[in-house]
Amino acid sequence: DFHAYYSGRKVAPILTIMIGGNHESSNYLQELYYGGWVAPNIWYMGAAGVINVCKNIGTGDNSHKIATLRIAGLSGIYNSHHYSLGRFEMPPYNKGS
């Protein structure tokens, strides 16, 4: 249902962090090679990326703590035949790319 979110027909109810897999539209994600917002509340991590998600936690005594979660992602699917060939796909897409 990626196209429904990308087109704006659907909106993710919470922050969603994604990597590219086998069923997303790779031609759209290629435009965000280093990552970015693909739709409201949906962040694409790019071909590979690391992000920190931070949350301010009130402690009740007027002091604040920040909780941090580090998330790493690597897009793609594993294929033993293609693993060592590199990644050269780029628009315009055709049978040779």
PDB file of N, CA and C in Angstrom:
ATOM      1  N   ASP A   1       0.808  -1.211   0.000  1.00  0.00           N
ATOM      2  CA  ASP A   1       0.000   0.000   0.000  1.00  0.00           C
ATOM      3  C   ASP A   1       0.849   1.272   0.000  1.00  0.00           C
ATOM      4  N   PHE A   2       2.123   1.138  -0.329  1.00  0.00           N
ATOM      5  CA  PHE A   2       3.023   2.287  -0.328  1.00  0.00           C
ATOM      6  C   PHE A   2       2.460   3.428  -1.161  1.00  0.00           C
ATOM      7  N   HIS A   3       1.913   3.107  -2.323  1.00  0.00           N
ATOM      8  CA  HIS A   3       1.398   4.160  -3.218  1.00  0.00           C
ATOM      9  C   HIS A   3       0.282   4.967  -2.573  1.00  0.00           C
ATOM     10  N   ALA A   4      -0.508   4.363  -1.714  1.00  0.00           N
ATOM     11  CA  ALA A   4      -1.596   5.086  -1.053  1.00  0.00           C
ATOM     12  C   ALA A   4      -1.047   6.145  -0.095  1.00  0.00           C
ATOM     13  N   TYR A   5       0.043   5.849   0.584  1.00  0.00           N
ATOM     14  CA  TYR A   5       0.666   6.821   1.483  1.00  0.00           C
ATOM     15  C   TYR A   5       1.436   7.875   0.690  1.00  0.00           C
ATOM     16  N   TYR A   6       2.148   7.430  -0.338  1.00  0.00           N
ATOM     17  CA  TYR A   6       2.948   8.351  -1.151  1.00  0.00           C
ATOM     18  C   TYR A   6       2.051   9.374  -1.850  1.00  0.00           C
ATOM     19  N   SER A   7       0.879   8.936  -2.291  1.00  0.00           N
ATOM     20  CA  SER A   7      -0.046   9.838  -2.992  1.00  0.00           C
ATOM     21  C   SER A   7      -0.847  10.712  -2.036  1.00  0.00           C
ATOM     22  N   GLY A   8      -0.841  10.390  -0.736  1.00  0.00           N
ATOM     23  CA  GLY A   8      -1.580  11.175   0.239  1.00  0.00           C
ATOM     24  C   GLY A   8      -2.976  10.654   0.532  1.00  0.00           C
ATOM     25  N   ARG A   9      -3.385   9.556  -0.113  1.00  0.00           N
ATOM     26  CA  ARG A   9      -4.704   8.979   0.174  1.00  0.00           C
ATOM     27  C   ARG A   9      -4.782   8.457   1.599  1.00  0.00           C
ATOM     28  N   LYS A  10      -3.661   7.937   2.101  1.00  0.00           N
ATOM     29  CA  LYS A  10      -3.585   7.469   3.482  1.00  0.00           C
ATOM     30  C   LYS A  10      -2.513   8.269   4.200  1.00  0.00           C
ATOM     31  N   VAL A  11      -2.666   8.426   5.517  1.00  0.00           N
ATOM     32  CA  VAL A  11      -1.677   9.121   6.342  1.00  0.00           C
ATOM     33  C   VAL A  11      -1.311   8.206   7.509  1.00  0.00           C
ATOM     34  N   ALA A  12      -0.029   8.026   7.729  1.00  0.00           N
ATOM     35  CA  ALA A  12       0.418   7.204   8.855  1.00  0.00           C
ATOM     36  C   ALA A  12       0.015   7.875  10.162  1.00  0.00           C
ATOM     37  N   PRO A  13      -0.596   7.146  11.093  1.00  0.00           N
ATOM     38  CA  PRO A  13      -1.078   7.758  12.327  1.00  0.00           C
ATOM     39  C   PRO A  13       0.046   8.136  13.298  1.00  0.00           C
ATOM     40  N   ILE A  14       1.231   7.534  13.157  1.00  0.00           N
ATOM     41  CA  ILE A  14       2.374   7.844  14.018  1.00  0.00           C
ATOM     42  C   ILE A  14       3.627   7.919  13.149  1.00  0.00           C
ATOM     43  N   LEU A  15       4.710   8.432  13.722  1.00  0.00           N
ATOM     44  CA  LEU A  15       5.977   8.469  13.018  1.00  0.00           C
ATOM     45  C   LEU A  15       6.354   7.055  12.585  1.00  0.00           C
ATOM     46  N   THR A  16       6.617   6.898  11.300  1.00  0.00           N
ATOM     47  CA  THR A  16       6.987   5.609  10.742  1.00  0.00           C
ATOM     48  C   THR A  16       8.327   5.763  10.035  1.00  0.00           C
ATOM     49  N   ILE A  17       9.261   4.906  10.365  1.00  0.00           N
ATOM     50  CA  ILE A  17      10.586   4.939   9.770  1.00  0.00           C
ATOM     51  C   ILE A  17      10.718   3.694   8.903  1.00  0.00           C
ATOM     52  N   MET A  18      11.102   3.891   7.633  1.00  0.00           N
ATOM     53  CA  MET A  18      11.108   2.762   6.703  1.00  0.00           C
ATOM     54  C   MET A  18      12.431   2.647   5.955  1.00  0.00           C
ATOM     55  N   ILE A  19      12.677   1.442   5.455  1.00  0.00           N
ATOM     56  CA  ILE A  19      13.759   1.188   4.517  1.00  0.00           C
ATOM     57  C   ILE A  19      13.112   0.657   3.246  1.00  0.00           C
ATOM     58  N   GLY A  20      13.844   0.651   2.156  1.00  0.00           N
ATOM     59  CA  GLY A  20      13.330   0.104   0.905  1.00  0.00           C
ATOM     60  C   GLY A  20      13.507  -1.402   0.893  1.00  0.00           C
ATOM     61  N   GLY A  21      12.508  -2.095   0.413  1.00  0.00           N
ATOM     62  CA  GLY A  21      12.555  -3.551   0.358  1.00  0.00           C
ATOM     63  C   GLY A  21      12.262  -4.051  -1.037  1.00  0.00           C
ATOM     64  N   ASN A  22      11.366  -4.986  -1.116  1.00  0.00           N
ATOM     65  CA  ASN A  22      11.061  -5.646  -2.378  1.00  0.00           C
ATOM     66  C   ASN A  22       9.801  -5.109  -3.037  1.00  0.00           C
ATOM     67  N   HIS A  23       8.916  -4.459  -2.299  1.00  0.00           N
ATOM     68  CA  HIS A  23       7.617  -4.092  -2.852  1.00  0.00           C
ATOM     69  C   HIS A  23       7.390  -2.593  -2.975  1.00  0.00           C
ATOM     70  N   GLU A  24       8.284  -1.765  -2.478  1.00  0.00           N
ATOM     71  CA  GLU A  24       8.115  -0.324  -2.613  1.00  0.00           C
ATOM     72  C   GLU A  24       8.507   0.096  -4.024  1.00  0.00           C
ATOM     73  N   SER A  25       8.069   1.258  -4.421  1.00  0.00           N
ATOM     74  CA  SER A  25       8.381   1.773  -5.752  1.00  0.00           C
ATOM     75  C   SER A  25       9.795   2.342  -5.739  1.00  0.00           C
ATOM     76  N   SER A  26      10.733   1.583  -6.261  1.00  0.00           N
ATOM     77  CA  SER A  26      12.134   1.996  -6.192  1.00  0.00           C
ATOM     78  C   SER A  26      12.405   3.271  -6.974  1.00  0.00           C
ATOM     79  N   ASN A  27      11.625   3.544  -8.016  1.00  0.00           N
ATOM     80  CA  ASN A  27      11.852   4.771  -8.780  1.00  0.00           C
ATOM     81  C   ASN A  27      11.547   6.010  -7.936  1.00  0.00           C
ATOM     82  N   TYR A  28      10.579   5.958  -7.033  1.00  0.00           N
ATOM     83  CA  TYR A  28      10.299   7.094  -6.150  1.00  0.00           C
ATOM     84  C   TYR A  28      11.365   7.204  -5.065  1.00  0.00           C
ATOM     85  N   LEU A  29      11.757   6.071  -4.519  1.00  0.00           N
ATOM     86  CA  LEU A  29      12.736   6.089  -3.434  1.00  0.00           C
ATOM     87  C   LEU A  29      14.117   6.490  -3.939  1.00  0.00           C
ATOM     88  N   GLN A  30      14.409   6.229  -5.204  1.00  0.00           N
ATOM     89  CA  GLN A  30      15.710   6.613  -5.770  1.00  0.00           C
ATOM     90  C   GLN A  30      15.907   8.130  -5.694  1.00  0.00           C
ATOM     91  N   GLU A  31      14.812   8.882  -5.747  1.00  0.00           N
ATOM     92  CA  GLU A  31      14.893  10.342  -5.646  1.00  0.00           C
ATOM     93  C   GLU A  31      15.380  10.780  -4.267  1.00  0.00           C
ATOM     94  N   LEU A  32      15.263   9.909  -3.280  1.00  0.00           N
ATOM     95  CA  LEU A  32      15.680  10.209  -1.903  1.00  0.00           C
ATOM     96  C   LEU A  32      16.795   9.256  -1.484  1.00  0.00           C
ATOM     97  N   TYR A  33      17.834   9.174  -2.291  1.00  0.00           N
ATOM     98  CA  TYR A  33      18.920   8.225  -2.050  1.00  0.00           C
ATOM     99  C   TYR A  33      19.484   8.343  -0.634  1.00  0.00           C
ATOM    100  N   TYR A  34      19.579   9.562  -0.117  1.00  0.00           N
ATOM    101  CA  TYR A  34      20.121   9.782   1.219  1.00  0.00           C
ATOM    102  C   TYR A  34      19.040   9.848   2.287  1.00  0.00           C
ATOM    103  N   GLY A  35      17.789   9.609   1.926  1.00  0.00           N
ATOM    104  CA  GLY A  35      16.694   9.603   2.877  1.00  0.00           C
ATOM    105  C   GLY A  35      15.875  10.880   2.825  1.00  0.00           C
ATOM    106  N   GLY A  36      14.709  10.834   3.443  1.00  0.00           N
ATOM    107  CA  GLY A  36      13.836  11.993   3.502  1.00  0.00           C
ATOM    108  C   GLY A  36      12.396  11.584   3.738  1.00  0.00           C
ATOM    109  N   TRP A  37      11.531  12.589   3.785  1.00  0.00           N
ATOM    110  CA  TRP A  37      10.102  12.345   4.011  1.00  0.00           C
ATOM    111  C   TRP A  37       9.471  11.873   2.706  1.00  0.00           C
ATOM    112  N   VAL A  38       8.847  10.696   2.721  1.00  0.00           N
ATOM    113  CA  VAL A  38       8.147  10.199   1.536  1.00  0.00           C
ATOM    114  C   VAL A  38       6.655  10.505   1.605  1.00  0.00           C
ATOM    115  N   ALA A  39       6.171  10.786   2.791  1.00  0.00           N
ATOM    116  CA  ALA A  39       4.756  11.107   3.017  1.00  0.00           C
ATOM    117  C   ALA A  39       4.654  11.665   4.435  1.00  0.00           C
ATOM    118  N   PRO A  40       3.512  12.282   4.773  1.00  0.00           N
ATOM    119  CA  PRO A  40       3.358  12.762   6.148  1.00  0.00           C
ATOM    120  C   PRO A  40       3.573  11.626   7.153  1.00  0.00           C
ATOM    121  N   ASN A  41       4.443  11.856   8.110  1.00  0.00           N
ATOM    122  CA  ASN A  41       4.767  10.900   9.180  1.00  0.00           C
ATOM    123  C   ASN A  41       5.568   9.683   8.726  1.00  0.00           C
ATOM    124  N   ILE A  42       6.074   9.670   7.486  1.00  0.00           N
ATOM    125  CA  ILE A  42       6.854   8.521   7.018  1.00  0.00           C
ATOM    126  C   ILE A  42       8.231   9.001   6.561  1.00  0.00           C
ATOM    127  N   TRP A  43       9.265   8.566   7.266  1.00  0.00           N
ATOM    128  CA  TRP A  43      10.647   8.922   6.958  1.00  0.00           C
ATOM    129  C   TRP A  43      11.335   7.719   6.329  1.00  0.00           C
ATOM    130  N   TYR A  44      11.913   7.934   5.149  1.00  0.00           N
ATOM    131  CA  TYR A  44      12.673   6.897   4.447  1.00  0.00           C
ATOM    132  C   TYR A  44      14.145   7.071   4.798  1.00  0.00           C
ATOM    133  N   MET A  45      14.814   5.994   5.198  1.00  0.00           N
ATOM    134  CA  MET A  45      16.193   6.078   5.652  1.00  0.00           C
ATOM    135  C   MET A  45      17.205   6.118   4.525  1.00  0.00           C
ATOM    136  N   GLY A  46      16.770   6.012   3.295  1.00  0.00           N
ATOM    137  CA  GLY A  46      17.685   6.040   2.164  1.00  0.00           C
ATOM    138  C   GLY A  46      18.285   4.673   1.905  1.00  0.00           C
ATOM    139  N   ALA A  47      19.299   4.643   1.043  1.00  0.00           N
ATOM    140  CA  ALA A  47      19.961   3.372   0.732  1.00  0.00           C
ATOM    141  C   ALA A  47      20.550   2.756   1.992  1.00  0.00           C
ATOM    142  N   ALA A  48      21.071   3.597   2.871  1.00  0.00           N
ATOM    143  CA  ALA A  48      21.576   3.180   4.182  1.00  0.00           C
ATOM    144  C   ALA A  48      21.588   4.414   5.063  1.00  0.00           C
ATOM    145  N   GLY A  49      21.242   4.254   6.308  1.00  0.00           N
ATOM    146  CA  GLY A  49      21.214   5.426   7.171  1.00  0.00           C
ATOM    147  C   GLY A  49      21.120   5.082   8.642  1.00  0.00           C
ATOM    148  N   VAL A  50      21.425   6.070   9.453  1.00  0.00           N
ATOM    149  CA  VAL A  50      21.313   5.972  10.907  1.00  0.00           C
ATOM    150  C   VAL A  50      20.652   7.255  11.390  1.00  0.00           C
ATOM    151  N   ILE A  51      19.650   7.133  12.229  1.00  0.00           N
ATOM    152  CA  ILE A  51      18.988   8.307  12.801  1.00  0.00           C
ATOM    153  C   ILE A  51      18.871   8.134  14.314  1.00  0.00           C
ATOM    154  N   ASN A  52      18.738   9.248  14.998  1.00  0.00           N
ATOM    155  CA  ASN A  52      18.464   9.244  16.436  1.00  0.00           C
ATOM    156  C   ASN A  52      17.066   9.807  16.636  1.00  0.00           C
ATOM    157  N   VAL A  53      16.233   9.067  17.329  1.00  0.00           N
ATOM    158  CA  VAL A  53      14.894   9.524  17.680  1.00  0.00           C
ATOM    159  C   VAL A  53      14.952   9.906  19.154  1.00  0.00           C
ATOM    160  N   CYS A  54      14.654  11.171  19.439  1.00  0.00           N
ATOM    161  CA  CYS A  54      14.774  11.688  20.805  1.00  0.00           C
ATOM    162  C   CYS A  54      13.407  12.038  21.373  1.00  0.00           C
ATOM    163  N   LYS A  55      13.265  11.830  22.665  1.00  0.00           N
ATOM    164  CA  LYS A  55      12.029  12.173  23.354  1.00  0.00           C
ATOM    165  C   LYS A  55      12.381  12.849  24.669  1.00  0.00           C
ATOM    166  N   ASN A  56      11.748  13.989  24.905  1.00  0.00           N
ATOM    167  CA  ASN A  56      11.941  14.715  26.154  1.00  0.00           C
ATOM    168  C   ASN A  56      11.068  14.053  27.221  1.00  0.00           C
ATOM    169  N   ILE A  57      11.695  13.635  28.309  1.00  0.00           N
ATOM    170  CA  ILE A  57      10.966  12.949  29.383  1.00  0.00           C
ATOM    171  C   ILE A  57      10.947  13.846  30.610  1.00  0.00           C
ATOM    172  N   GLY A  58       9.771  14.319  30.983  1.00  0.00           N
ATOM    173  CA  GLY A  58       9.638  15.108  32.212  1.00  0.00           C
ATOM    174  C   GLY A  58       9.783  14.192  33.412  1.00  0.00           C
ATOM    175  N   THR A  59      10.497  14.653  34.427  1.00  0.00           N
ATOM    176  CA  THR A  59      10.724  13.810  35.611  1.00  0.00           C
ATOM    177  C   THR A  59       9.825  14.183  36.775  1.00  0.00           C
ATOM    178  N   GLY A  60       9.002  15.220  36.613  1.00  0.00           N
ATOM    179  CA  GLY A  60       8.103  15.604  37.679  1.00  0.00           C
ATOM    180  C   GLY A  60       8.681  16.607  38.648  1.00  0.00           C
ATOM    181  N   ASP A  61       9.964  16.852  38.606  1.00  0.00           N
ATOM    182  CA  ASP A  61      10.587  17.815  39.519  1.00  0.00           C
ATOM    183  C   ASP A  61      11.192  18.998  38.742  1.00  0.00           C
ATOM    184  N   ASN A  62      10.579  19.339  37.631  1.00  0.00           N
ATOM    185  CA  ASN A  62      11.002  20.440  36.757  1.00  0.00           C
ATOM    186  C   ASN A  62      12.357  20.215  36.091  1.00  0.00           C
ATOM    187  N   SER A  63      12.904  19.037  36.194  1.00  0.00           N
ATOM    188  CA  SER A  63      14.110  18.721  35.425  1.00  0.00           C
ATOM    189  C   SER A  63      13.693  17.841  34.247  1.00  0.00           C
ATOM    190  N   HIS A  64      14.522  17.791  33.249  1.00  0.00           N
ATOM    191  CA  HIS A  64      14.165  17.038  32.049  1.00  0.00           C
ATOM    192  C   HIS A  64      15.281  16.083  31.678  1.00  0.00           C
ATOM    193  N   LYS A  65      14.873  14.959  31.163  1.00  0.00           N
ATOM    194  CA  LYS A  65      15.800  13.978  30.614  1.00  0.00           C
ATOM    195  C   LYS A  65      15.418  13.762  29.164  1.00  0.00           C
ATOM    196  N   ILE A  66      16.377  13.410  28.372  1.00  0.00           N
ATOM    197  CA  ILE A  66      16.101  13.097  26.969  1.00  0.00           C
ATOM    198  C   ILE A  66      16.455  11.637  26.738  1.00  0.00           C
ATOM    199  N   ALA A  67      15.479  10.877  26.250  1.00  0.00           N
ATOM    200  CA  ALA A  67      15.710   9.483  25.891  1.00  0.00           C
ATOM    201  C   ALA A  67      15.996   9.434  24.393  1.00  0.00           C
ATOM    202  N   THR A  68      16.998   8.675  24.017  1.00  0.00           N
ATOM    203  CA  THR A  68      17.397   8.587  22.616  1.00  0.00           C
ATOM    204  C   THR A  68      17.420   7.130  22.171  1.00  0.00           C
ATOM    205  N   LEU A  69      16.850   6.902  21.009  1.00  0.00           N
ATOM    206  CA  LEU A  69      16.879   5.585  20.387  1.00  0.00           C
ATOM    207  C   LEU A  69      17.579   5.739  19.049  1.00  0.00           C
ATOM    208  N   ARG A  70      18.652   5.014  18.827  1.00  0.00           N
ATOM    209  CA  ARG A  70      19.377   5.057  17.556  1.00  0.00           C
ATOM    210  C   ARG A  70      18.896   3.905  16.686  1.00  0.00           C
ATOM    211  N   ILE A  71      18.521   4.241  15.451  1.00  0.00           N
ATOM    212  CA  ILE A  71      17.991   3.252  14.513  1.00  0.00           C
ATOM    213  C   ILE A  71      18.855   3.274  13.259  1.00  0.00           C
ATOM    214  N   ALA A  72      19.284   2.100  12.817  1.00  0.00           N
ATOM    215  CA  ALA A  72      20.068   1.970  11.585  1.00  0.00           C
ATOM    216  C   ALA A  72      19.276   1.132  10.595  1.00  0.00           C
ATOM    217  N   GLY A  73      19.417   1.461   9.322  1.00  0.00           N
ATOM    218  CA  GLY A  73      18.701   0.715   8.296  1.00  0.00           C
ATOM    219  C   GLY A  73      19.510   0.568   7.027  1.00  0.00           C
ATOM    220  N   LEU A  74      19.289  -0.514   6.322  1.00  0.00           N
ATOM    221  CA  LEU A  74      19.940  -0.806   5.056  1.00  0.00           C
ATOM    222  C   LEU A  74      18.863  -1.285   4.101  1.00  0.00           C
ATOM    223  N   SER A  75      18.628  -0.537   3.035  1.00  0.00           N
ATOM    224  CA  SER A  75      17.564  -0.879   2.094  1.00  0.00           C
ATOM    225  C   SER A  75      18.002  -1.967   1.125  1.00  0.00           C
ATOM    226  N   GLY A  76      17.030  -2.672   0.608  1.00  0.00           N
ATOM    227  CA  GLY A  76      17.290  -3.679  -0.418  1.00  0.00           C
ATOM    228  C   GLY A  76      16.908  -5.068   0.038  1.00  0.00           C
ATOM    229  N   ILE A  77      17.128  -6.014  -0.843  1.00  0.00           N
ATOM    230  CA  ILE A  77      16.907  -7.418  -0.524  1.00  0.00           C
ATOM    231  C   ILE A  77      18.201  -8.171  -0.838  1.00  0.00           C
ATOM    232  N   TYR A  78      18.441  -9.244  -0.142  1.00  0.00           N
ATOM    233  CA  TYR A  78      19.672 -10.004  -0.349  1.00  0.00           C
ATOM    234  C   TYR A  78      19.498 -10.986  -1.489  1.00  0.00           C
ATOM    235  N   ASN A  79      20.461 -10.990  -2.401  1.00  0.00           N
ATOM    236  CA  ASN A  79      20.523 -11.957  -3.484  1.00  0.00           C
ATOM    237  C   ASN A  79      21.995 -12.338  -3.617  1.00  0.00           C
ATOM    238  N   SER A  80      22.332 -13.586  -3.373  1.00  0.00           N
ATOM    239  CA  SER A  80      23.738 -13.995  -3.356  1.00  0.00           C
ATOM    240  C   SER A  80      24.436 -13.736  -4.685  1.00  0.00           C
ATOM    241  N   HIS A  81      23.726 -13.828  -5.788  1.00  0.00           N
ATOM    242  CA  HIS A  81      24.326 -13.578  -7.108  1.00  0.00           C
ATOM    243  C   HIS A  81      24.689 -12.104  -7.294  1.00  0.00           C
ATOM    244  N   HIS A  82      23.875 -11.193  -6.786  1.00  0.00           N
ATOM    245  CA  HIS A  82      24.088  -9.764  -6.995  1.00  0.00           C
ATOM    246  C   HIS A  82      24.849  -9.072  -5.860  1.00  0.00           C
ATOM    247  N   TYR A  83      25.110  -9.784  -4.770  1.00  0.00           N
ATOM    248  CA  TYR A  83      25.662  -9.174  -3.562  1.00  0.00           C
ATOM    249  C   TYR A  83      26.952  -8.386  -3.810  1.00  0.00           C
ATOM    250  N   SER A  84      27.878  -8.935  -4.564  1.00  0.00           N
ATOM    251  CA  SER A  84      29.174  -8.277  -4.748  1.00  0.00           C
ATOM    252  C   SER A  84      29.268  -7.438  -6.024  1.00  0.00           C
ATOM    253  N   LEU A  85      28.175  -7.260  -6.740  1.00  0.00           N
ATOM    254  CA  LEU A  85      28.214  -6.523  -7.999  1.00  0.00           C
ATOM    255  C   LEU A  85      28.151  -5.008  -7.838  1.00  0.00           C
ATOM    256  N   GLY A  86      27.718  -4.507  -6.710  1.00  0.00           N
ATOM    257  CA  GLY A  86      27.571  -3.066  -6.524  1.00  0.00           C
ATOM    258  C   GLY A  86      26.158  -2.617  -6.821  1.00  0.00           C
ATOM    259  N   ARG A  87      25.930  -1.338  -6.634  1.00  0.00           N
ATOM    260  CA  ARG A  87      24.583  -0.786  -6.845  1.00  0.00           C
ATOM    261  C   ARG A  87      24.690   0.361  -7.843  1.00  0.00           C
ATOM    262  N   PHE A  88      24.243   0.119  -9.064  1.00  0.00           N
ATOM    263  CA  PHE A  88      24.410   1.087 -10.134  1.00  0.00           C
ATOM    264  C   PHE A  88      23.091   1.515 -10.754  1.00  0.00           C
ATOM    265  N   GLU A  89      21.963   1.128 -10.169  1.00  0.00           N
ATOM    266  CA  GLU A  89      20.660   1.462 -10.725  1.00  0.00           C
ATOM    267  C   GLU A  89      20.418   2.961 -10.629  1.00  0.00           C
ATOM    268  N   MET A  90      19.983   3.559 -11.738  1.00  0.00           N
ATOM    269  CA  MET A  90      19.657   4.975 -11.747  1.00  0.00           C
ATOM    270  C   MET A  90      18.702   5.242 -12.905  1.00  0.00           C
ATOM    271  N   PRO A  91      17.935   6.315 -12.813  1.00  0.00           N
ATOM    272  CA  PRO A  91      17.017   6.629 -13.903  1.00  0.00           C
ATOM    273  C   PRO A  91      17.786   7.057 -15.151  1.00  0.00           C
ATOM    274  N   PRO A  92      17.261   6.912 -16.331  1.00  0.00           N
ATOM    275  CA  PRO A  92      15.958   6.300 -16.621  1.00  0.00           C
ATOM    276  C   PRO A  92      16.052   4.784 -16.491  1.00  0.00           C
ATOM    277  N   TYR A  93      15.016   4.176 -15.938  1.00  0.00           N
ATOM    278  CA  TYR A  93      15.014   2.744 -15.700  1.00  0.00           C
ATOM    279  C   TYR A  93      14.692   2.010 -16.986  1.00  0.00           C
ATOM    280  N   ASN A  94      15.461   0.973 -17.248  1.00  0.00           N
ATOM    281  CA  ASN A  94      15.211   0.100 -18.403  1.00  0.00           C
ATOM    282  C   ASN A  94      15.726  -1.281 -18.057  1.00  0.00           C
ATOM    283  N   LYS A  95      15.723  -2.181 -19.008  1.00  0.00           N
ATOM    284  CA  LYS A  95      16.150  -3.545 -18.721  1.00  0.00           C
ATOM    285  C   LYS A  95      17.623  -3.636 -18.322  1.00  0.00           C
ATOM    286  N   GLY A  96      18.411  -2.651 -18.713  1.00  0.00           N
ATOM    287  CA  GLY A  96      19.826  -2.679 -18.393  1.00  0.00           C
ATOM    288  C   GLY A  96      20.200  -2.014 -17.076  1.00  0.00           C
ATOM    289  N   SER A  97      19.231  -1.384 -16.415  1.00  0.00           N
ATOM    290  CA  SER A  97      19.579  -0.676 -15.163  1.00  0.00           C
ATOM    291  C   SER A  97      19.142  -1.450 -13.942  1.00  0.00           C
TER     292      SER A  97
END
